[in-house]
Structure formats: C-alpha cells, structure tokens
Amino acid sequence: MITDVISGREQMTDDEKELFLCDLKSVCAEYFDGDAKFSLDITRTERGYSVCVVFDAVRIKKFKKPR
C-alpha cells in the first residue's frame, strides 16, 4: 500500500515514483490509448498528500463490466 511506504516522509524517491508510474501505466492501458508519457506531482496538504497523475489519451477504449 502506497500510504504505508510514504507515511512519515515528505517525498518519494525517483525509483519509487518510476515503480508507481509503471504499475499505473499498465492499468491505464486497459482503458486508454495514449503516448505512455506520464507525469506525477505529489504535494503535501493539511490532511496528507495530493497526488496528481497526468497523461494524454488519444482514445478511450470500450470495455465491459466484469461479470
């Protein structure tokens, strides 16, 4: 769980960010076609962190609800 990894720390290492984005890219590929360029911004807030992942998608794939 990501919250366990970053609790008590102010930021993730570059390696941790790359690992997170790699996992996220595989999930996003199920729903979107895009250029696979992702950016990650993590900002400290009063209640924890605000995490923003930005990527361009050229198409939203059709998918069916799992049975």
C-alpha atoms as a PDB file:
ATOM      1  CA  MET A   1       0.000   0.000   0.000  1.00  0.00           C
ATOM      2  CA  ILE A   2       1.474   3.380  -1.016  1.00  0.00           C
ATOM      3  CA  THR A   3       0.395   5.132   2.206  1.00  0.00           C
ATOM      4  CA  ASP A   4       2.489   2.676   4.230  1.00  0.00           C
ATOM      5  CA  VAL A   5       5.525   3.395   2.056  1.00  0.00           C
ATOM      6  CA  ILE A   6       5.390   7.195   2.347  1.00  0.00           C
ATOM      7  CA  SER A   7       3.991   7.756   5.841  1.00  0.00           C
ATOM      8  CA  GLY A   8       6.320   9.939   7.854  1.00  0.00           C
ATOM      9  CA  ARG A   9       8.248  11.047   4.766  1.00  0.00           C
ATOM     10  CA  GLU A  10       7.880  14.172   2.713  1.00  0.00           C
ATOM     11  CA  GLN A  11       8.529  12.677  -0.706  1.00  0.00           C
ATOM     12  CA  MET A  12       9.043   9.505  -2.713  1.00  0.00           C
ATOM     13  CA  THR A  13      12.368   8.624  -4.273  1.00  0.00           C
ATOM     14  CA  ASP A  14      12.710   8.761  -8.056  1.00  0.00           C
ATOM     15  CA  ASP A  15      12.838   4.953  -8.138  1.00  0.00           C
ATOM     16  CA  GLU A  16       9.607   4.720  -6.139  1.00  0.00           C
ATOM     17  CA  LYS A  17       7.907   7.206  -8.468  1.00  0.00           C
ATOM     18  CA  GLU A  18       9.001   5.195 -11.520  1.00  0.00           C
ATOM     19  CA  LEU A  19       7.701   1.974  -9.967  1.00  0.00           C
ATOM     20  CA  PHE A  20       4.361   3.614  -9.174  1.00  0.00           C
ATOM     21  CA  LEU A  21       4.028   5.042 -12.698  1.00  0.00           C
ATOM     22  CA  CYS A  22       4.974   1.696 -14.257  1.00  0.00           C
ATOM     23  CA  ASP A  23       2.157  -0.011 -12.341  1.00  0.00           C
ATOM     24  CA  LEU A  24      -0.274   2.762 -13.203  1.00  0.00           C
ATOM     25  CA  LYS A  25       0.606   2.685 -16.926  1.00  0.00           C
ATOM     26  CA  SER A  26      -0.439  -0.944 -17.180  1.00  0.00           C
ATOM     27  CA  VAL A  27      -3.801  -0.149 -15.582  1.00  0.00           C
ATOM     28  CA  CYS A  28      -4.362   2.933 -17.770  1.00  0.00           C
ATOM     29  CA  ALA A  29      -3.536   0.920 -20.902  1.00  0.00           C
ATOM     30  CA  GLU A  30      -6.658  -1.149 -20.182  1.00  0.00           C
ATOM     31  CA  TYR A  31      -8.857   1.945 -20.536  1.00  0.00           C
ATOM     32  CA  PHE A  32      -6.986   4.423 -22.770  1.00  0.00           C
ATOM     33  CA  ASP A  33      -4.776   4.598 -25.842  1.00  0.00           C
ATOM     34  CA  GLY A  34      -2.077   7.203 -25.464  1.00  0.00           C
ATOM     35  CA  ASP A  35       1.570   8.065 -25.808  1.00  0.00           C
ATOM     36  CA  ALA A  36       2.538   6.449 -22.462  1.00  0.00           C
ATOM     37  CA  LYS A  37       4.071   9.697 -21.166  1.00  0.00           C
ATOM     38  CA  PHE A  38       3.021  10.199 -17.570  1.00  0.00           C
ATOM     39  CA  SER A  39       3.885  12.874 -15.037  1.00  0.00           C
ATOM     40  CA  LEU A  40       3.438  12.695 -11.293  1.00  0.00           C
ATOM     41  CA  ASP A  41       3.070  15.542  -8.817  1.00  0.00           C
ATOM     42  CA  ILE A  42       2.860  14.871  -5.075  1.00  0.00           C
ATOM     43  CA  THR A  43       2.039  17.841  -2.857  1.00  0.00           C
ATOM     44  CA  ARG A  44       1.843  17.877   0.928  1.00  0.00           C
ATOM     45  CA  THR A  45      -1.567  19.005   2.228  1.00  0.00           C
ATOM     46  CA  GLU A  46      -3.041  19.542   5.676  1.00  0.00           C
ATOM     47  CA  ARG A  47      -4.573  16.066   5.634  1.00  0.00           C
ATOM     48  CA  GLY A  48      -1.776  14.152   3.909  1.00  0.00           C
ATOM     49  CA  TYR A  49      -0.895  14.326   0.224  1.00  0.00           C
ATOM     50  CA  SER A  50      -2.460  15.429  -3.026  1.00  0.00           C
ATOM     51  CA  VAL A  51      -1.355  13.094  -5.824  1.00  0.00           C
ATOM     52  CA  CYS A  52      -1.861  14.176  -9.414  1.00  0.00           C
ATOM     53  CA  VAL A  53      -1.060  11.906 -12.365  1.00  0.00           C
ATOM     54  CA  VAL A  54      -1.293  13.484 -15.818  1.00  0.00           C
ATOM     55  CA  PHE A  55      -1.197  11.712 -19.154  1.00  0.00           C
ATOM     56  CA  ASP A  56      -2.550  12.287 -22.654  1.00  0.00           C
ATOM     57  CA  ALA A  57      -5.062   9.862 -24.109  1.00  0.00           C
ATOM     58  CA  VAL A  58      -5.994   9.765 -27.782  1.00  0.00           C
ATOM     59  CA  ARG A  59      -8.845   7.304 -27.332  1.00  0.00           C
ATOM     60  CA  ILE A  60     -10.979   5.884 -24.553  1.00  0.00           C
ATOM     61  CA  LYS A  61     -11.327   2.152 -25.088  1.00  0.00           C
ATOM     62  CA  LYS A  62     -14.642   0.376 -24.879  1.00  0.00           C
ATOM     63  CA  PHE A  63     -14.842  -2.094 -22.070  1.00  0.00           C
ATOM     64  CA  LYS A  64     -17.460  -4.267 -20.472  1.00  0.00           C
ATOM     65  CA  LYS A  65     -18.321  -4.552 -16.819  1.00  0.00           C
ATOM     66  CA  PRO A  66     -16.818  -7.741 -15.329  1.00  0.00           C
ATOM     67  CA  ARG A  67     -19.325 -10.491 -14.675  1.00  0.00           C
END
